[in-house]
C-alpha atoms as a PDB file:
ATOM      1  CA  MET A   1     -28.751   3.720  11.612  1.00  0.00           C
ATOM      2  CA  GLN A   2     -25.159   4.689  10.832  1.00  0.00           C
ATOM      3  CA  PHE A   3     -21.935   2.713  10.974  1.00  0.00           C
ATOM      4  CA  LEU A   4     -18.293   3.600  11.432  1.00  0.00           C
ATOM      5  CA  ASN A   5     -16.129   3.678   8.338  1.00  0.00           C
ATOM      6  CA  PRO A   6     -13.869   0.642   8.886  1.00  0.00           C
ATOM      7  CA  LYS A   7     -11.279   2.091   6.506  1.00  0.00           C
ATOM      8  CA  THR A   8     -10.201   4.551   9.186  1.00  0.00           C
ATOM      9  CA  ASP A   9      -7.627   3.241  11.631  1.00  0.00           C
ATOM     10  CA  PHE A  10      -9.792   4.354  14.565  1.00  0.00           C
ATOM     11  CA  ALA A  11     -12.779   2.260  13.458  1.00  0.00           C
ATOM     12  CA  PHE A  12     -10.661  -0.635  12.208  1.00  0.00           C
ATOM     13  CA  LYS A  13      -8.998  -1.002  15.605  1.00  0.00           C
ATOM     14  CA  ARG A  14     -12.358  -0.804  17.385  1.00  0.00           C
ATOM     15  CA  ILE A  15     -14.063  -3.387  15.155  1.00  0.00           C
ATOM     16  CA  PHE A  16     -11.253  -5.913  14.789  1.00  0.00           C
ATOM     17  CA  GLY A  17      -9.077  -5.236  17.840  1.00  0.00           C
ATOM     18  CA  SER A  18     -11.518  -4.959  20.754  1.00  0.00           C
ATOM     19  CA  ALA A  19     -11.545  -7.522  23.549  1.00  0.00           C
ATOM     20  CA  GLU A  20     -14.812  -8.960  22.152  1.00  0.00           C
ATOM     21  CA  SER A  21     -13.617  -9.050  18.508  1.00  0.00           C
ATOM     22  CA  GLY A  22     -12.110 -12.536  18.518  1.00  0.00           C
ATOM     23  CA  ASP A  23     -14.705 -14.175  16.259  1.00  0.00           C
ATOM     24  CA  ILE A  24     -14.586 -11.214  13.860  1.00  0.00           C
ATOM     25  CA  LEU A  25     -10.814 -11.295  13.547  1.00  0.00           C
ATOM     26  CA  ILE A  26     -10.739 -15.082  13.104  1.00  0.00           C
ATOM     27  CA  SER A  27     -13.238 -14.857  10.244  1.00  0.00           C
ATOM     28  CA  LEU A  28     -11.322 -12.023   8.544  1.00  0.00           C
ATOM     29  CA  LEU A  29      -7.958 -13.797   8.839  1.00  0.00           C
ATOM     30  CA  ASN A  30      -9.280 -17.108   7.500  1.00  0.00           C
ATOM     31  CA  ALA A  31     -10.942 -15.288   4.591  1.00  0.00           C
ATOM     32  CA  ILE A  32      -7.860 -13.274   3.582  1.00  0.00           C
ATOM     33  CA  LEU A  33      -5.426 -16.173   3.982  1.00  0.00           C
ATOM     34  CA  GLY A  34      -7.777 -18.643   2.297  1.00  0.00           C
ATOM     35  CA  LEU A  35      -7.650 -21.050   5.233  1.00  0.00           C
ATOM     36  CA  SER A  36     -10.150 -23.860   5.724  1.00  0.00           C
ATOM     37  CA  ALA A  37     -10.388 -26.896   8.010  1.00  0.00           C
ATOM     38  CA  PRO A  38      -8.201 -28.422   9.286  1.00  0.00           C
ATOM     39  CA  TYR A  39      -5.778 -25.530   8.713  1.00  0.00           C
ATOM     40  CA  CYS A  40      -8.060 -22.641   9.644  1.00  0.00           C
ATOM     41  CA  ILE A  41      -7.480 -20.417  12.639  1.00  0.00           C
ATOM     42  CA  ALA A  42      -9.698 -21.626  15.473  1.00  0.00           C
ATOM     43  CA  GLU A  43      -8.867 -19.077  18.154  1.00  0.00           C
ATOM     44  CA  VAL A  44      -6.873 -15.888  18.603  1.00  0.00           C
ATOM     45  CA  SER A  45      -5.682 -13.835  21.506  1.00  0.00           C
ATOM     46  CA  ILE A  46      -5.701 -10.133  20.645  1.00  0.00           C
ATOM     47  CA  LEU A  47      -2.554  -8.436  21.880  1.00  0.00           C
ATOM     48  CA  ASP A  48      -2.918  -4.890  23.213  1.00  0.00           C
ATOM     49  CA  PRO A  49      -6.709  -4.613  22.718  1.00  0.00           C
ATOM     50  CA  TYR A  50      -8.284  -1.346  21.620  1.00  0.00           C
ATOM     51  CA  LEU A  51      -8.732   1.294  24.302  1.00  0.00           C
ATOM     52  CA  ALA A  52     -10.527   4.508  23.391  1.00  0.00           C
ATOM     53  CA  PRO A  53      -8.209   6.876  25.346  1.00  0.00           C
ATOM     54  CA  GLU A  54      -5.273   5.762  23.213  1.00  0.00           C
ATOM     55  CA  ILE A  55      -6.974   7.229  20.157  1.00  0.00           C
ATOM     56  CA  LYS A  56      -7.618  10.717  21.498  1.00  0.00           C
ATOM     57  CA  GLY A  57      -5.773  13.533  19.769  1.00  0.00           C
ATOM     58  CA  MET A  58      -4.328  11.207  17.142  1.00  0.00           C
ATOM     59  CA  LYS A  59      -3.256  13.191  14.119  1.00  0.00           C
ATOM     60  CA  ASP A  60      -0.465  11.428  12.287  1.00  0.00           C
ATOM     61  CA  THR A  61      -0.106   7.974  13.824  1.00  0.00           C
ATOM     62  CA  TYR A  62      -1.401   4.636  12.648  1.00  0.00           C
ATOM     63  CA  LEU A  63      -2.915   1.708  14.462  1.00  0.00           C
ATOM     64  CA  ASP A  64      -2.693  -1.996  13.834  1.00  0.00           C
ATOM     65  CA  VAL A  65      -4.308  -5.076  15.328  1.00  0.00           C
ATOM     66  CA  ARG A  66      -1.947  -7.731  16.680  1.00  0.00           C
ATOM     67  CA  ALA A  67      -2.994 -11.277  17.483  1.00  0.00           C
ATOM     68  CA  LYS A  68      -1.649 -14.781  18.066  1.00  0.00           C
ATOM     69  CA  ASP A  69      -3.418 -17.985  17.054  1.00  0.00           C
ATOM     70  CA  GLN A  70      -3.642 -21.399  18.703  1.00  0.00           C
ATOM     71  CA  ARG A  71      -0.422 -22.540  17.011  1.00  0.00           C
ATOM     72  CA  GLY A  72       1.583 -19.554  18.200  1.00  0.00           C
ATOM     73  CA  LYS A  73       1.654 -17.717  14.855  1.00  0.00           C
ATOM     74  CA  GLU A  74       1.563 -13.953  15.214  1.00  0.00           C
ATOM     75  CA  TYR A  75      -0.464 -11.632  12.997  1.00  0.00           C
ATOM     76  CA  ILE A  76      -0.200  -7.908  12.351  1.00  0.00           C
ATOM     77  CA  ILE A  77      -3.298  -6.559  10.607  1.00  0.00           C
ATOM     78  CA  GLU A  78      -3.330  -2.950   9.423  1.00  0.00           C
ATOM     79  CA  MET A  79      -5.631  -0.694   7.420  1.00  0.00           C
ATOM     80  CA  GLN A  80      -3.732   1.820   5.267  1.00  0.00           C
ATOM     81  CA  VAL A  81      -5.794   4.519   3.560  1.00  0.00           C
ATOM     82  CA  LEU A  82      -2.995   6.886   2.487  1.00  0.00           C
ATOM     83  CA  ASN A  83      -0.148   5.901   0.194  1.00  0.00           C
ATOM     84  CA  VAL A  84       2.466   7.796   2.169  1.00  0.00           C
ATOM     85  CA  GLU A  85       6.186   7.582   1.511  1.00  0.00           C
ATOM     86  CA  GLY A  86       7.981   4.737   3.247  1.00  0.00           C
ATOM     87  CA  PHE A  87       4.941   2.851   4.532  1.00  0.00           C
ATOM     88  CA  GLU A  88       6.007  -0.379   2.749  1.00  0.00           C
ATOM     89  CA  LYS A  89       9.304  -0.325   4.641  1.00  0.00           C
ATOM     90  CA  ARG A  90       7.451   0.291   7.892  1.00  0.00           C
ATOM     91  CA  ILE A  91       5.364  -2.845   7.294  1.00  0.00           C
ATOM     92  CA  LEU A  92       8.502  -4.926   6.731  1.00  0.00           C
ATOM     93  CA  TYR A  93      10.212  -3.334   9.724  1.00  0.00           C
ATOM     94  CA  ASN A  94       7.271  -4.073  12.036  1.00  0.00           C
ATOM     95  CA  ALA A  95       7.091  -7.682  10.838  1.00  0.00           C
ATOM     96  CA  CYS A  96      10.821  -8.222  11.378  1.00  0.00           C
ATOM     97  CA  LYS A  97      10.686  -6.539  14.768  1.00  0.00           C
ATOM     98  CA  THR A  98       7.762  -8.726  15.850  1.00  0.00           C
ATOM     99  CA  TYR A  99       9.659 -11.823  14.713  1.00  0.00           C
ATOM    100  CA  SER A 100      12.870 -10.920  16.547  1.00  0.00           C
ATOM    101  CA  ARG A 101      11.091  -9.939  19.782  1.00  0.00           C
ATOM    102  CA  GLN A 102       9.670 -13.417  20.292  1.00  0.00           C
ATOM    103  CA  LEU A 103      12.797 -14.568  22.108  1.00  0.00           C
ATOM    104  CA  GLY A 104      13.851 -13.666  25.605  1.00  0.00           C
ATOM    105  CA  VAL A 105      17.438 -13.594  26.804  1.00  0.00           C
ATOM    106  CA  GLY A 106      19.031 -17.027  26.413  1.00  0.00           C
ATOM    107  CA  GLU A 107      16.101 -18.644  24.588  1.00  0.00           C
ATOM    108  CA  GLY A 108      16.765 -20.865  21.575  1.00  0.00           C
ATOM    109  CA  TYR A 109      15.911 -19.973  17.986  1.00  0.00           C
ATOM    110  CA  GLU A 110      13.737 -23.072  17.687  1.00  0.00           C
ATOM    111  CA  LEU A 111      11.110 -21.208  19.718  1.00  0.00           C
ATOM    112  CA  LEU A 112      10.540 -18.695  16.910  1.00  0.00           C
ATOM    113  CA  THR A 113       7.143 -18.924  15.223  1.00  0.00           C
ATOM    114  CA  ASP A 114       5.772 -17.486  11.987  1.00  0.00           C
ATOM    115  CA  VAL A 115       4.794 -13.833  11.653  1.00  0.00           C
ATOM    116  CA  ILE A 116       2.237 -12.776   9.036  1.00  0.00           C
ATOM    117  CA  ALA A 117       1.751  -9.066   8.325  1.00  0.00           C
ATOM    118  CA  ILE A 118      -1.566  -8.328   6.606  1.00  0.00           C
ATOM    119  CA  THR A 119      -2.066  -4.867   5.142  1.00  0.00           C
ATOM    120  CA  ILE A 120      -5.418  -3.771   3.710  1.00  0.00           C
ATOM    121  CA  THR A 121      -4.980  -0.741   1.454  1.00  0.00           C
ATOM    122  CA  ASP A 122      -7.486   1.754   0.098  1.00  0.00           C
ATOM    123  CA  PHE A 123      -5.283   2.276  -2.970  1.00  0.00           C
ATOM    124  CA  VAL A 124      -3.635   0.064  -5.586  1.00  0.00           C
ATOM    125  CA  MET A 125      -0.087  -0.994  -4.789  1.00  0.00           C
ATOM    126  CA  PHE A 126       0.654  -3.545  -7.502  1.00  0.00           C
ATOM    127  CA  ASP A 127      -0.616  -2.422 -10.903  1.00  0.00           C
ATOM    128  CA  ASN A 128       0.998  -5.447 -12.546  1.00  0.00           C
ATOM    129  CA  LEU A 129      -0.779  -7.953 -10.270  1.00  0.00           C
ATOM    130  CA  PRO A 130      -4.530  -8.293 -10.967  1.00  0.00           C
ATOM    131  CA  GLU A 131      -5.310 -10.384  -7.876  1.00  0.00           C
ATOM    132  CA  LEU A 132      -7.157  -8.822  -4.935  1.00  0.00           C
ATOM    133  CA  VAL A 133      -4.898 -10.570  -2.398  1.00  0.00           C
ATOM    134  CA  ASN A 134      -1.141 -10.908  -2.933  1.00  0.00           C
ATOM    135  CA  GLY A 135       1.288 -12.636  -0.573  1.00  0.00           C
ATOM    136  CA  PHE A 136       5.080 -12.533  -0.426  1.00  0.00           C
ATOM    137  CA  LYS A 137       7.536 -14.885   1.286  1.00  0.00           C
ATOM    138  CA  LEU A 138      11.306 -15.380   1.333  1.00  0.00           C
ATOM    139  CA  ARG A 139      12.197 -17.267  -1.827  1.00  0.00           C
ATOM    140  CA  ALA A 140      15.250 -18.491  -3.692  1.00  0.00           C
ATOM    141  CA  LYS A 141      16.021 -17.022  -7.105  1.00  0.00           C
ATOM    142  CA  GLU A 142      14.535 -20.147  -8.675  1.00  0.00           C
ATOM    143  CA  GLY A 143      11.250 -19.542  -6.855  1.00  0.00           C
ATOM    144  CA  GLU A 144      11.492 -22.147  -4.108  1.00  0.00           C
ATOM    145  CA  ILE A 145      10.292 -20.886  -0.718  1.00  0.00           C
ATOM    146  CA  TYR A 146      13.192 -20.526   1.697  1.00  0.00           C
ATOM    147  CA  ARG A 147      11.151 -20.268   4.896  1.00  0.00           C
ATOM    148  CA  ASP A 148       7.557 -19.624   5.960  1.00  0.00           C
ATOM    149  CA  ASP A 149       8.647 -17.620   8.989  1.00  0.00           C
ATOM    150  CA  LEU A 150       7.872 -14.214   7.524  1.00  0.00           C
ATOM    151  CA  GLU A 151       4.998 -13.413   5.172  1.00  0.00           C
ATOM    152  CA  LEU A 152       3.613 -10.120   3.885  1.00  0.00           C
ATOM    153  CA  VAL A 153       0.022 -10.168   2.602  1.00  0.00           C
ATOM    154  CA  PHE A 154      -1.694  -7.238   0.874  1.00  0.00           C
ATOM    155  CA  VAL A 155      -5.398  -6.739   0.161  1.00  0.00           C
ATOM    156  CA  GLU A 156      -6.045  -3.881  -2.298  1.00  0.00           C
ATOM    157  CA  LEU A 157      -9.660  -2.770  -1.852  1.00  0.00           C
ATOM    158  CA  PRO A 158      -9.906  -0.725  -5.102  1.00  0.00           C
ATOM    159  CA  LYS A 159      -9.521  -4.013  -6.997  1.00  0.00           C
ATOM    160  CA  PHE A 160     -12.757  -5.261  -5.430  1.00  0.00           C
ATOM    161  CA  ASN A 161     -15.776  -4.052  -7.415  1.00  0.00           C
ATOM    162  CA  LYS A 162     -18.529  -6.606  -6.761  1.00  0.00           C
ATOM    163  CA  SER A 163     -22.066  -5.493  -5.981  1.00  0.00           C
ATOM    164  CA  GLU A 164     -24.068  -6.883  -3.062  1.00  0.00           C
ATOM    165  CA  GLN A 165     -25.833  -9.308  -5.427  1.00  0.00           C
ATOM    166  CA  GLU A 166     -22.504 -10.696  -6.672  1.00  0.00           C
ATOM    167  CA  LEU A 167     -21.077 -11.637  -3.270  1.00  0.00           C
ATOM    168  CA  SER A 168     -20.337 -15.351  -3.043  1.00  0.00           C
ATOM    169  CA  THR A 169     -17.372 -16.002  -0.739  1.00  0.00           C
ATOM    170  CA  ILE A 170     -16.677 -14.877   2.805  1.00  0.00           C
ATOM    171  CA  LEU A 171     -13.761 -12.809   1.421  1.00  0.00           C
ATOM    172  CA  ASP A 172     -16.201 -11.044  -0.918  1.00  0.00           C
ATOM    173  CA  LYS A 173     -18.423 -10.190   2.022  1.00  0.00           C
ATOM    174  CA  TRP A 174     -15.601  -8.869   4.178  1.00  0.00           C
ATOM    175  CA  CYS A 175     -14.278  -6.709   1.345  1.00  0.00           C
ATOM    176  CA  PHE A 176     -17.773  -5.353   0.733  1.00  0.00           C
ATOM    177  CA  PHE A 177     -18.055  -4.577   4.445  1.00  0.00           C
ATOM    178  CA  LEU A 178     -14.680  -2.809   4.523  1.00  0.00           C
ATOM    179  CA  LYS A 179     -15.459  -0.716   1.435  1.00  0.00           C
ATOM    180  CA  ASN A 180     -19.079   0.181   2.109  1.00  0.00           C
ATOM    181  CA  ALA A 181     -20.042  -0.114   5.778  1.00  0.00           C
ATOM    182  CA  GLY A 182     -19.405   3.584   6.416  1.00  0.00           C
ATOM    183  CA  SER A 183     -22.028   4.595   3.837  1.00  0.00           C
ATOM    184  CA  LEU A 184     -24.705   2.036   4.760  1.00  0.00           C
ATOM    185  CA  HIS A 185     -27.800   2.750   6.883  1.00  0.00           C
ATOM    186  CA  ILE A 186     -28.796  -0.876   7.340  1.00  0.00           C
ATOM    187  CA  ALA A 187     -26.764  -4.064   7.560  1.00  0.00           C
ATOM    188  CA  PRO A 188     -27.469  -6.147   4.397  1.00  0.00           C
ATOM    189  CA  LYS A 189     -28.860  -9.628   5.037  1.00  0.00           C
ATOM    190  CA  THR A 190     -26.413 -11.100   2.518  1.00  0.00           C
ATOM    191  CA  LEU A 191     -23.646 -10.071   4.939  1.00  0.00           C
ATOM    192  CA  THR A 192     -25.278 -10.592   8.315  1.00  0.00           C
ATOM    193  CA  VAL A 193     -25.982 -14.229   7.490  1.00  0.00           C
ATOM    194  CA  GLU A 194     -22.338 -14.563   8.498  1.00  0.00           C
ATOM    195  CA  ARG A 195     -22.377 -14.282  12.300  1.00  0.00           C
ATOM    196  CA  PRO A 196     -18.927 -12.591  12.595  1.00  0.00           C
ATOM    197  CA  ILE A 197     -19.907  -9.916  10.063  1.00  0.00           C
ATOM    198  CA  GLU A 198     -23.176  -9.313  11.895  1.00  0.00           C
ATOM    199  CA  HIS A 199     -21.102  -8.874  15.055  1.00  0.00           C
ATOM    200  CA  ALA A 200     -18.848  -6.428  13.209  1.00  0.00           C
ATOM    201  CA  PHE A 201     -21.866  -4.324  12.249  1.00  0.00           C
ATOM    202  CA  GLN A 202     -22.962  -4.299  15.887  1.00  0.00           C
ATOM    203  CA  ILE A 203     -19.600  -2.940  17.039  1.00  0.00           C
ATOM    204  CA  ALA A 204     -19.514  -0.452  14.157  1.00  0.00           C
ATOM    205  CA  ASN A 205     -22.974   0.916  15.024  1.00  0.00           C
ATOM    206  CA  LYS A 206     -22.521   4.555  16.039  1.00  0.00           C
ATOM    207  CA  VAL A 207     -25.444   4.305  18.467  1.00  0.00           C
ATOM    208  CA  GLY A 208     -23.193   2.549  20.947  1.00  0.00           C
ATOM    209  CA  MET A 209     -20.460   5.188  20.823  1.00  0.00           C
ATOM    210  CA  SER A 210     -19.806   8.045  23.211  1.00  0.00           C
ATOM    211  CA  PRO A 211     -19.776  11.670  21.952  1.00  0.00           C
ATOM    212  CA  GLU A 212     -16.010  11.747  22.505  1.00  0.00           C
ATOM    213  CA  GLU A 213     -15.473   8.676  20.322  1.00  0.00           C
ATOM    214  CA  LEU A 214     -17.725  10.060  17.591  1.00  0.00           C
ATOM    215  CA  ASP A 215     -15.730  13.285  17.675  1.00  0.00           C
ATOM    216  CA  ASP A 216     -12.456  11.350  17.368  1.00  0.00           C
ATOM    217  CA  GLN A 217     -13.827   9.438  14.385  1.00  0.00           C
ATOM    218  CA  GLU A 218     -14.967  12.637  12.655  1.00  0.00           C
ATOM    219  CA  ARG A 219     -11.610  14.335  13.214  1.00  0.00           C
ATOM    220  CA  ARG A 220      -9.836  11.325  11.770  1.00  0.00           C
ATOM    221  CA  LEU A 221     -12.016  11.406   8.645  1.00  0.00           C
ATOM    222  CA  PHE A 222     -11.267  15.107   8.188  1.00  0.00           C
ATOM    223  CA  PHE A 223      -7.554  14.415   8.616  1.00  0.00           C
ATOM    224  CA  ILE A 224      -7.627  11.687   5.950  1.00  0.00           C
ATOM    225  CA  GLN A 225      -9.490  13.954   3.528  1.00  0.00           C
ATOM    226  CA  ASP A 226      -6.971  16.747   4.105  1.00  0.00           C
ATOM    227  CA  GLN A 227      -4.036  14.402   3.565  1.00  0.00           C
ATOM    228  CA  ARG A 228      -5.539  12.995   0.384  1.00  0.00           C
ATOM    229  CA  GLY A 229      -6.065  16.530  -0.877  1.00  0.00           C
ATOM    230  CA  ALA A 230      -2.458  17.410  -0.079  1.00  0.00           C
ATOM    231  CA  LEU A 231      -1.174  14.300  -1.878  1.00  0.00           C
ATOM    232  CA  THR A 232      -3.319  15.031  -4.944  1.00  0.00           C
ATOM    233  CA  LYS A 233      -2.105  18.639  -5.043  1.00  0.00           C
ATOM    234  CA  ALA A 234       1.525  17.534  -4.708  1.00  0.00           C
ATOM    235  CA  LYS A 235       1.133  15.067  -7.587  1.00  0.00           C
ATOM    236  CA  LYS A 236      -0.460  17.710  -9.835  1.00  0.00           C
ATOM    237  CA  GLN A 237       2.255  20.198  -8.955  1.00  0.00           C
ATOM    238  CA  GLY A 238       4.911  17.583  -9.661  1.00  0.00           C
ATOM    239  CA  LEU A 239       3.376  16.800 -13.059  1.00  0.00           C
ATOM    240  CA  GLN A 240       3.230  20.490 -13.942  1.00  0.00           C
ATOM    241  CA  GLU A 241       6.834  21.048 -12.914  1.00  0.00           C
ATOM    242  CA  GLY A 242       7.791  17.953 -14.891  1.00  0.00           C
ATOM    243  CA  ARG A 243       6.036  19.324 -18.005  1.00  0.00           C
ATOM    244  CA  GLU A 244       7.763  22.685 -17.632  1.00  0.00           C
ATOM    245  CA  GLU A 245      11.127  21.031 -17.076  1.00  0.00           C
ATOM    246  CA  GLY A 246      10.565  18.781 -20.094  1.00  0.00           C
ATOM    247  CA  LEU A 247       9.598  21.763 -22.253  1.00  0.00           C
ATOM    248  CA  GLN A 248      12.720  23.676 -21.219  1.00  0.00           C
ATOM    249  CA  GLU A 249      14.870  20.616 -21.861  1.00  0.00           C
ATOM    250  CA  GLY A 250      13.283  20.210 -25.302  1.00  0.00           C
ATOM    251  CA  ILE A 251      13.967  23.844 -26.178  1.00  0.00           C
ATOM    252  CA  GLU A 252      17.592  23.525 -25.095  1.00  0.00           C
ATOM    253  CA  GLN A 253      18.003  20.329 -27.108  1.00  0.00           C
ATOM    254  CA  GLY A 254      16.485  22.002 -30.159  1.00  0.00           C
ATOM    255  CA  ILE A 255      18.847  24.964 -29.876  1.00  0.00           C
ATOM    256  CA  GLU A 256      21.835  22.642 -29.504  1.00  0.00           C
ATOM    257  CA  GLN A 257      20.764  20.583 -32.517  1.00  0.00           C
ATOM    258  CA  GLY A 258      20.399  23.788 -34.556  1.00  0.00           C
ATOM    259  CA  ARG A 259      23.903  24.883 -33.613  1.00  0.00           C
ATOM    260  CA  LEU A 260      25.330  21.500 -34.559  1.00  0.00           C
ATOM    261  CA  ALA A 261      23.565  21.581 -37.941  1.00  0.00           C
ATOM    262  CA  GLU A 262      25.043  25.030 -38.623  1.00  0.00           C
ATOM    263  CA  LYS A 263      28.547  23.775 -37.756  1.00  0.00           C
ATOM    264  CA  ILE A 264      28.143  20.782 -40.047  1.00  0.00           C
ATOM    265  CA  ASN A 265      27.160  23.066 -42.937  1.00  0.00           C
ATOM    266  CA  ILE A 266      30.246  25.232 -42.377  1.00  0.00           C
ATOM    267  CA  ALA A 267      32.468  22.154 -42.182  1.00  0.00           C
ATOM    268  CA  ARG A 268      30.993  20.850 -45.445  1.00  0.00           C
ATOM    269  CA  SER A 269      31.855  24.129 -47.217  1.00  0.00           C
ATOM    270  CA  LEU A 270      35.519  23.821 -46.153  1.00  0.00           C
ATOM    271  CA  LEU A 271      36.102  20.250 -47.339  1.00  0.00           C
ATOM    272  CA  ASP A 272      37.755  21.395 -50.595  1.00  0.00           C
ATOM    273  CA  VAL A 273      40.179  23.867 -49.011  1.00  0.00           C
ATOM    274  CA  LEU A 274      41.260  22.435 -45.613  1.00  0.00           C
ATOM    275  CA  ASP A 275      42.247  19.073 -44.145  1.00  0.00           C
ATOM    276  CA  ASP A 276      39.997  17.219 -41.705  1.00  0.00           C
ATOM    277  CA  ALA A 277      41.907  18.107 -38.529  1.00  0.00           C
ATOM    278  CA  THR A 278      41.972  21.820 -39.347  1.00  0.00           C
ATOM    279  CA  ILE A 279      38.262  21.905 -40.197  1.00  0.00           C
ATOM    280  CA  ALA A 280      37.403  20.152 -36.932  1.00  0.00           C
ATOM    281  CA  LEU A 281      39.518  22.619 -34.952  1.00  0.00           C
ATOM    282  CA  LYS A 282      38.156  25.731 -36.681  1.00  0.00           C
ATOM    283  CA  VAL A 283      34.472  24.716 -36.648  1.00  0.00           C
ATOM    284  CA  GLY A 284      34.356  22.952 -33.265  1.00  0.00           C
ATOM    285  CA  VAL A 285      33.250  19.465 -34.274  1.00  0.00           C
ATOM    286  CA  ALA A 286      34.852  16.030 -33.990  1.00  0.00           C
ATOM    287  CA  VAL A 287      37.322  14.875 -36.654  1.00  0.00           C
ATOM    288  CA  GLU A 288      35.169  11.756 -37.147  1.00  0.00           C
ATOM    289  CA  GLU A 289      32.201  13.933 -38.127  1.00  0.00           C
ATOM    290  CA  VAL A 290      34.326  15.733 -40.747  1.00  0.00           C
ATOM    291  CA  ARG A 291      35.564  12.412 -42.148  1.00  0.00           C
ATOM    292  CA  ALA A 292      31.971  11.182 -42.339  1.00  0.00           C
ATOM    293  CA  LEU A 293      31.055  14.233 -44.461  1.00  0.00           C
ATOM    294  CA  ARG A 294      33.599  13.198 -47.128  1.00  0.00           C
ATOM    295  CA  THR A 295      31.816   9.872 -47.574  1.00  0.00           C
ATOM    296  CA  ILE A 296      28.430  11.420 -48.227  1.00  0.00           C
END
């Protein structure tokens, strides 16, 4: 038995954004947001459900899952595997756009409801924050929350390192699923005891996929590997160029310091025969430096 890798946007959309994925998405959202009764999400309507033809030929796009809960709150859930330039701004832009598009012409602002953008990353974004899940809201300088209308939540999978035996919370189990499902050959009982996760494994099972969908998934994995390789190469090249630039800068600084030391020695030898202004002019140093030599 083989399962889709949920860290690819293709599989993530299929597992969490299909028409039958409501229970799966509810469980994931409640786990990430730390919601429990009576504040937990009880139902969601998935907006723009996954359709296989939309994925075909995808090379450089991304997919997200959009949903609305029973209270009218809207959610944008995205899996991001590549730390590409500008993706943080895209997340904020999409959240703001979703918030502003809630109103039709002539409708009042009181109809606006909260928008929560959840991004699951396969890389570390916040080195200075040890938590697995970090949320951000509009706040005053003193720290008081201005409004709850817009919230950005990030889940950094590399910060999750628990083994199957260490899983205790539903968030632990979802993170384990997201990190490892693609390499598993059997669904662990510690995970499938949770009905939504068992359902997720069923959708992720490659047995139920068409050859075309399997081909799309494989192409997407190859694309991600190529992009990661390109990013790694670019970073190494940048480091090498930085070393070379630093070396050249160090050489130039050393030469300049040597020239200055030579000028100072010449200026020192002229202290007994010329005034400060003349020495500075002849040698090419500041008058203050000549005056400082007389005090030594």
